[in-house]
Amino acid sequence: MKTALLFLIAVESSRVIEPVYWKVDNKKFATQYERHVQLQTKMDIFCPQYSSAAEDEDPRTFSESHHFQTIYMVDEDSYNLCRLNAAKAIKIMSCEQPLRVKKFTMKFQEVNPNPFGLEFHADSNYYFISTSMGDDLGGISQMNEGVCKSHSMTQDSSSQRSIRGRREARGPAR
């Protein structure tokens, strides 16, 4: 019984969802890109990359253009207006080396042991945008519009407790 419980805890804490390929030619950005994640889930975000003939490269990261971007977690107003509020925006990653694979792994957890780590709460929305121009390093730190406006480079992630966690919060199932 203890072994089964430990196995369930390990599976629950190591769940990984489909990664986000942060590139202008990702069709998921053509419409409102929403993700529904459970707490304790990990999500990878990959920077756009130049096409490569190397066999070990993942073509899902290849992009035809707009390789230079900075991705931020922002409040809802910044998300809707494609404008960074410097006091509230949290830089997630910079995509400035399109010849190399670069990813950021985010774990949706309520408590982070790292004092500078991200913390997420159940039943909340988290917004991600890039306001960079995308064409070169010169426009990577632009704070307004950029690919957010021109290519809908935004993502809305809503967090929720696991199904088991919700049942426990309401009491045992009858």
Protein backbone atom coordinates (compact mmCIF):
# COMPACT_ATOMS: atom_id res chain seq x y z
CA MET A 1 0.00 0.00 0.00
CA LYS A 2 2.82 2.41 0.89
CA THR A 3 4.56 1.62 -2.41
CA ALA A 4 1.40 2.41 -4.39
CA LEU A 5 0.96 5.69 -2.51
CA LEU A 6 4.58 6.70 -3.16
CA PHE A 7 4.12 5.85 -6.84
CA LEU A 8 0.99 8.04 -7.05
CA ILE A 9 2.80 10.92 -5.36
CA ALA A 10 5.73 10.60 -7.80
CA VAL A 11 3.41 10.53 -10.82
CA GLU A 12 1.37 13.47 -9.51
CA SER A 13 4.45 15.62 -8.89
CA SER A 14 6.13 14.96 -12.22
CA ARG A 15 3.33 15.56 -14.73
CA VAL A 16 4.52 17.40 -17.84
CA ILE A 17 2.13 18.94 -20.34
CA GLU A 18 2.63 19.64 -24.04
CA PRO A 19 5.36 22.27 -24.49
CA VAL A 20 4.81 25.75 -25.89
CA TYR A 21 6.76 26.52 -29.06
CA TRP A 22 6.98 30.30 -28.81
CA LYS A 23 7.25 31.23 -32.50
CA VAL A 24 5.19 33.38 -34.85
CA ASP A 25 4.41 30.46 -37.16
CA ASN A 26 2.89 28.33 -34.38
CA LYS A 27 -0.75 28.09 -35.45
CA LYS A 28 -1.91 27.99 -31.82
CA PHE A 29 -1.09 31.70 -31.55
CA ALA A 30 -3.41 32.49 -34.50
CA THR A 31 -6.38 32.24 -32.16
CA GLN A 32 -6.49 32.96 -28.45
CA TYR A 33 -3.92 30.50 -27.06
CA GLU A 34 -5.24 29.18 -23.75
CA ARG A 35 -3.77 26.47 -21.54
CA HIS A 36 -5.49 24.81 -18.61
CA VAL A 37 -2.93 23.48 -16.17
CA GLN A 38 -3.13 21.75 -12.85
CA LEU A 39 -0.92 22.68 -9.95
CA GLN A 40 2.28 20.59 -9.82
CA THR A 41 2.36 20.45 -13.63
CA LYS A 42 5.49 21.35 -15.59
CA MET A 43 5.37 23.26 -18.86
CA ASP A 44 8.31 23.89 -21.19
CA ILE A 45 8.52 27.03 -23.32
CA PHE A 46 10.87 26.81 -26.31
CA CYS A 47 12.42 29.81 -28.07
CA PRO A 48 12.15 30.07 -31.86
CA GLN A 49 15.15 28.72 -33.73
CA TYR A 50 16.60 28.97 -37.23
CA SER A 51 15.95 25.90 -39.36
CA SER A 52 18.75 23.38 -39.17
CA ALA A 53 19.79 20.30 -41.08
CA ALA A 54 21.08 18.62 -37.91
CA GLU A 55 19.27 15.36 -37.20
CA ASP A 56 19.17 15.91 -33.44
CA GLU A 57 17.31 19.23 -33.74
CA ASP A 58 13.57 19.39 -33.06
CA PRO A 59 11.84 20.95 -36.10
CA ARG A 60 8.94 22.10 -33.90
CA THR A 61 11.25 24.89 -32.64
CA PHE A 62 12.09 26.11 -36.18
CA SER A 63 10.64 29.43 -37.23
CA GLU A 64 10.79 31.34 -40.50
CA SER A 65 11.16 34.74 -38.78
CA HIS A 66 10.97 36.76 -35.55
CA HIS A 67 13.64 34.81 -33.68
CA PHE A 68 14.53 37.52 -31.12
CA GLN A 69 11.91 37.80 -28.39
CA THR A 70 11.60 38.33 -24.66
CA ILE A 71 8.73 36.51 -22.95
CA TYR A 72 7.07 38.06 -19.91
CA MET A 73 4.44 37.01 -17.40
CA VAL A 74 2.12 40.00 -17.08
CA ASP A 75 -1.15 41.18 -15.56
CA GLU A 76 -4.43 41.01 -17.48
CA ASP A 77 -4.34 44.65 -18.61
CA SER A 78 -0.85 44.25 -20.14
CA TYR A 79 -2.04 41.05 -21.82
CA ASN A 80 -5.08 42.77 -23.36
CA LEU A 81 -3.23 45.95 -24.41
CA CYS A 82 0.10 44.36 -25.49
CA ARG A 83 1.92 46.85 -23.25
CA LEU A 84 4.32 45.97 -20.47
CA ASN A 85 3.80 47.48 -17.06
CA ALA A 86 7.44 47.50 -15.92
CA ALA A 87 6.43 47.39 -12.25
CA LYS A 88 4.38 44.20 -12.67
CA ALA A 89 5.93 42.31 -15.61
CA ILE A 90 8.15 39.33 -14.80
CA LYS A 91 10.74 38.39 -17.39
CA ILE A 92 10.49 34.66 -18.10
CA MET A 93 13.19 34.31 -20.75
CA SER A 94 15.01 36.03 -23.61
CA CYS A 95 15.27 34.35 -26.98
CA GLU A 96 18.41 35.89 -28.40
CA GLN A 97 20.43 32.95 -29.76
CA PRO A 98 18.36 31.33 -32.54
CA LEU A 99 21.17 28.94 -33.46
CA ARG A 100 20.77 27.07 -30.15
CA VAL A 101 17.87 25.25 -28.51
CA LYS A 102 16.66 27.20 -25.50
CA LYS A 103 13.82 26.30 -23.19
CA PHE A 104 12.40 27.42 -19.88
CA THR A 105 10.67 24.87 -17.66
CA MET A 106 7.94 26.30 -15.50
CA LYS A 107 6.37 24.35 -12.64
CA PHE A 108 2.94 25.50 -11.55
CA GLN A 109 3.32 25.25 -7.78
CA GLU A 110 1.91 27.21 -4.88
CA VAL A 111 5.13 27.23 -2.88
CA ASN A 112 8.53 27.54 -4.50
CA PRO A 113 11.63 26.71 -2.43
CA ASN A 114 13.59 29.20 -4.54
CA PRO A 115 13.06 32.71 -3.09
CA PHE A 116 13.11 34.14 -6.64
CA GLY A 117 10.97 31.36 -8.13
CA LEU A 118 7.49 31.72 -9.55
CA GLU A 119 4.47 30.79 -7.45
CA PHE A 120 1.02 30.02 -8.81
CA HIS A 121 -2.36 29.72 -7.13
CA ALA A 122 -5.33 27.54 -8.00
CA ASP A 123 -8.21 29.05 -9.94
CA SER A 124 -6.09 31.93 -11.24
CA ASN A 125 -5.07 33.07 -14.70
CA TYR A 126 -1.49 33.79 -15.70
CA TYR A 127 -0.70 35.75 -18.84
CA PHE A 128 2.36 35.56 -21.07
CA ILE A 129 3.28 37.95 -23.88
CA SER A 130 6.18 39.09 -26.01
CA THR A 131 6.28 42.75 -27.06
CA SER A 132 9.61 42.42 -28.89
CA MET A 133 9.84 43.30 -32.57
CA GLY A 134 11.44 39.89 -33.18
CA ASP A 135 13.56 40.74 -36.23
CA ASP A 136 16.87 41.47 -34.49
CA LEU A 137 18.44 42.08 -31.09
CA GLY A 138 17.72 45.82 -31.37
CA GLY A 139 13.98 45.34 -30.84
CA ILE A 140 14.17 42.59 -28.20
CA SER A 141 13.48 44.92 -25.25
CA GLN A 142 10.61 46.87 -26.80
CA MET A 143 7.83 47.30 -24.22
CA ASN A 144 4.78 47.91 -26.42
CA GLU A 145 2.95 45.95 -29.11
CA GLY A 146 5.63 44.17 -31.22
CA VAL A 147 4.81 40.52 -31.98
CA CYS A 148 2.12 40.59 -29.29
CA LYS A 149 0.10 42.85 -31.56
CA SER A 150 1.34 41.80 -35.02
CA HIS A 151 1.29 38.00 -34.48
CA SER A 152 -0.90 37.50 -31.35
CA MET A 153 2.07 36.24 -29.33
CA THR A 154 0.08 35.86 -26.12
CA GLN A 155 -0.88 32.93 -23.95
CA ASP A 156 -3.40 32.64 -21.12
CA SER A 157 -2.73 29.82 -18.64
CA SER A 158 -5.40 29.07 -16.07
CA SER A 159 -4.38 26.98 -13.08
CA GLN A 160 -6.51 24.58 -11.11
CA ARG A 161 -6.07 22.02 -8.40
CA SER A 162 -5.92 18.39 -9.44
CA ILE A 163 -9.18 16.48 -9.66
CA ARG A 164 -8.21 14.53 -6.55
CA GLY A 165 -7.37 17.77 -4.73
CA ARG A 166 -10.79 19.25 -5.51
CA ARG A 167 -12.58 16.17 -4.24
CA GLU A 168 -10.56 16.24 -1.01
CA ALA A 169 -11.38 19.91 -0.50
CA ARG A 170 -15.12 19.17 -0.69
CA GLY A 171 -14.91 16.07 1.43
CA PRO A 172 -14.97 12.39 0.56
CA ALA A 173 -16.91 11.23 -2.49
CA ARG A 174 -20.22 9.57 -1.69
